[in-house]
Amino acid sequence: MMATKPSPAQSTFHGYPLQTQFYDEFINGVVEWVPVTDELVHSAYDECLSSRIHAFDALHIAAAAAVRADEFITGETATSRIIVRNL
């Protein structure tokens, strides 16, 4: 599940072919794309207010909650506010 599509453009521009390959494989493996709707944005906004996370992170959390995702995987550090969450 993804709310937004990651872009391999930066890794391509900076000459990181393995990172570009990872993005391509990751994007092709997404099971469900969540459209960004007004309802999703409002949900993300509420998430920002309640947990003080960044807007982009809140969109991903709201998207995961909207489709009742079984797990949420992130590359954030263990001390990040986004880590301690219950969907």
C-alpha atoms as a PDB file:
ATOM      1  CA  MET A   1       0.000   0.000   0.000  1.00  0.00           C
ATOM      2  CA  MET A   2       1.312   3.403  -0.902  1.00  0.00           C
ATOM      3  CA  ALA A   3      -0.267   6.831  -0.726  1.00  0.00           C
ATOM      4  CA  THR A   4       2.315   8.402  -2.962  1.00  0.00           C
ATOM      5  CA  LYS A   5       4.647   6.987  -5.554  1.00  0.00           C
ATOM      6  CA  PRO A   6       8.354   7.268  -4.708  1.00  0.00           C
ATOM      7  CA  SER A   7      10.450   8.543  -7.550  1.00  0.00           C
ATOM      8  CA  PRO A   8      13.752   7.058  -8.654  1.00  0.00           C
ATOM      9  CA  ALA A   9      14.599  10.411 -10.286  1.00  0.00           C
ATOM     10  CA  GLN A  10      16.993  11.591  -7.567  1.00  0.00           C
ATOM     11  CA  SER A  11      18.887   8.319  -7.378  1.00  0.00           C
ATOM     12  CA  THR A  12      19.131   8.277 -11.172  1.00  0.00           C
ATOM     13  CA  PHE A  13      20.335  11.895 -11.247  1.00  0.00           C
ATOM     14  CA  HIS A  14      22.986  11.241  -8.577  1.00  0.00           C
ATOM     15  CA  GLY A  15      24.157   8.029 -10.270  1.00  0.00           C
ATOM     16  CA  TYR A  16      22.960   5.423  -7.747  1.00  0.00           C
ATOM     17  CA  PRO A  17      21.852   2.519  -9.981  1.00  0.00           C
ATOM     18  CA  LEU A  18      21.239   0.083  -7.109  1.00  0.00           C
ATOM     19  CA  GLN A  19      18.974   2.565  -5.350  1.00  0.00           C
ATOM     20  CA  THR A  20      17.146   3.203  -8.637  1.00  0.00           C
ATOM     21  CA  GLN A  21      16.702  -0.543  -9.108  1.00  0.00           C
ATOM     22  CA  PHE A  22      15.351  -0.840  -5.546  1.00  0.00           C
ATOM     23  CA  TYR A  23      12.786   1.904  -6.178  1.00  0.00           C
ATOM     24  CA  ASP A  24      11.697   0.293  -9.441  1.00  0.00           C
ATOM     25  CA  GLU A  25      11.248  -3.120  -7.798  1.00  0.00           C
ATOM     26  CA  PHE A  26       9.518  -1.614  -4.781  1.00  0.00           C
ATOM     27  CA  ILE A  27       7.055   0.375  -6.885  1.00  0.00           C
ATOM     28  CA  ASN A  28       6.238  -2.701  -8.973  1.00  0.00           C
ATOM     29  CA  GLY A  29       5.529  -4.700  -5.804  1.00  0.00           C
ATOM     30  CA  VAL A  30       2.952  -2.340  -4.315  1.00  0.00           C
ATOM     31  CA  VAL A  31      -0.307  -4.213  -3.773  1.00  0.00           C
ATOM     32  CA  GLU A  32      -2.646  -1.257  -3.301  1.00  0.00           C
ATOM     33  CA  TRP A  33      -2.336   2.425  -4.180  1.00  0.00           C
ATOM     34  CA  VAL A  34      -4.365   4.710  -1.924  1.00  0.00           C
ATOM     35  CA  PRO A  35      -5.754   7.774  -3.688  1.00  0.00           C
ATOM     36  CA  VAL A  36      -5.145  11.087  -1.929  1.00  0.00           C
ATOM     37  CA  THR A  37      -8.652  12.352  -1.199  1.00  0.00           C
ATOM     38  CA  ASP A  38      -9.979  15.208   0.929  1.00  0.00           C
ATOM     39  CA  GLU A  39     -10.928  12.647   3.576  1.00  0.00           C
ATOM     40  CA  LEU A  40      -7.390  11.245   3.637  1.00  0.00           C
ATOM     41  CA  VAL A  41      -5.887  14.732   3.900  1.00  0.00           C
ATOM     42  CA  HIS A  42      -8.203  15.596   6.815  1.00  0.00           C
ATOM     43  CA  SER A  43      -7.263  12.355   8.527  1.00  0.00           C
ATOM     44  CA  ALA A  44      -3.573  13.145   8.013  1.00  0.00           C
ATOM     45  CA  TYR A  45      -4.098  16.659   9.369  1.00  0.00           C
ATOM     46  CA  ASP A  46      -5.672  15.223  12.530  1.00  0.00           C
ATOM     47  CA  GLU A  47      -2.704  12.860  12.814  1.00  0.00           C
ATOM     48  CA  CYS A  48      -0.301  15.821  12.594  1.00  0.00           C
ATOM     49  CA  LEU A  49      -2.126  17.625  15.367  1.00  0.00           C
ATOM     50  CA  SER A  50      -2.359  14.635  17.680  1.00  0.00           C
ATOM     51  CA  SER A  51       1.135  13.207  17.293  1.00  0.00           C
ATOM     52  CA  ARG A  52       3.193  16.115  15.922  1.00  0.00           C
ATOM     53  CA  ILE A  53       4.564  14.169  12.951  1.00  0.00           C
ATOM     54  CA  HIS A  54       5.398  15.677   9.575  1.00  0.00           C
ATOM     55  CA  ALA A  55       2.609  16.062   7.015  1.00  0.00           C
ATOM     56  CA  PHE A  56       4.082  13.593   4.525  1.00  0.00           C
ATOM     57  CA  ASP A  57       4.483  10.959   7.259  1.00  0.00           C
ATOM     58  CA  ALA A  58       0.920  11.645   8.397  1.00  0.00           C
ATOM     59  CA  LEU A  59      -0.365  11.006   4.865  1.00  0.00           C
ATOM     60  CA  HIS A  60       1.318   7.607   4.890  1.00  0.00           C
ATOM     61  CA  ILE A  61      -0.087   6.756   8.338  1.00  0.00           C
ATOM     62  CA  ALA A  62      -3.588   7.881   7.292  1.00  0.00           C
ATOM     63  CA  ALA A  63      -3.358   5.826   4.089  1.00  0.00           C
ATOM     64  CA  ALA A  64      -2.263   2.741   6.022  1.00  0.00           C
ATOM     65  CA  ALA A  65      -5.128   3.194   8.482  1.00  0.00           C
ATOM     66  CA  ALA A  66      -7.628   3.750   5.637  1.00  0.00           C
ATOM     67  CA  VAL A  67      -6.891   0.339   4.127  1.00  0.00           C
ATOM     68  CA  ARG A  68      -6.383  -1.317   7.521  1.00  0.00           C
ATOM     69  CA  ALA A  69      -2.805  -2.279   6.731  1.00  0.00           C
ATOM     70  CA  ASP A  70      -1.409  -5.168   8.749  1.00  0.00           C
ATOM     71  CA  GLU A  71       1.946  -3.467   9.131  1.00  0.00           C
ATOM     72  CA  PHE A  72       3.639  -0.174   8.436  1.00  0.00           C
ATOM     73  CA  ILE A  73       7.294  -0.277   7.436  1.00  0.00           C
ATOM     74  CA  THR A  74       9.435   2.835   7.559  1.00  0.00           C
ATOM     75  CA  GLY A  75      13.081   3.746   7.363  1.00  0.00           C
ATOM     76  CA  GLU A  76      12.782   6.227  10.226  1.00  0.00           C
ATOM     77  CA  THR A  77      15.005   5.967  13.292  1.00  0.00           C
ATOM     78  CA  ALA A  78      13.746   4.214  16.421  1.00  0.00           C
ATOM     79  CA  THR A  79      13.302   7.563  18.185  1.00  0.00           C
ATOM     80  CA  SER A  80      11.087   9.039  15.470  1.00  0.00           C
ATOM     81  CA  ARG A  81       7.510   9.974  16.449  1.00  0.00           C
ATOM     82  CA  ILE A  82       6.193   7.936  13.532  1.00  0.00           C
ATOM     83  CA  ILE A  83       7.536   4.674  15.016  1.00  0.00           C
ATOM     84  CA  VAL A  84       5.365   4.574  18.146  1.00  0.00           C
ATOM     85  CA  ARG A  85       1.948   4.209  16.515  1.00  0.00           C
ATOM     86  CA  ASN A  86      -1.061   1.949  16.568  1.00  0.00           C
ATOM     87  CA  LEU A  87      -3.046   1.896  13.374  1.00  0.00           C
END
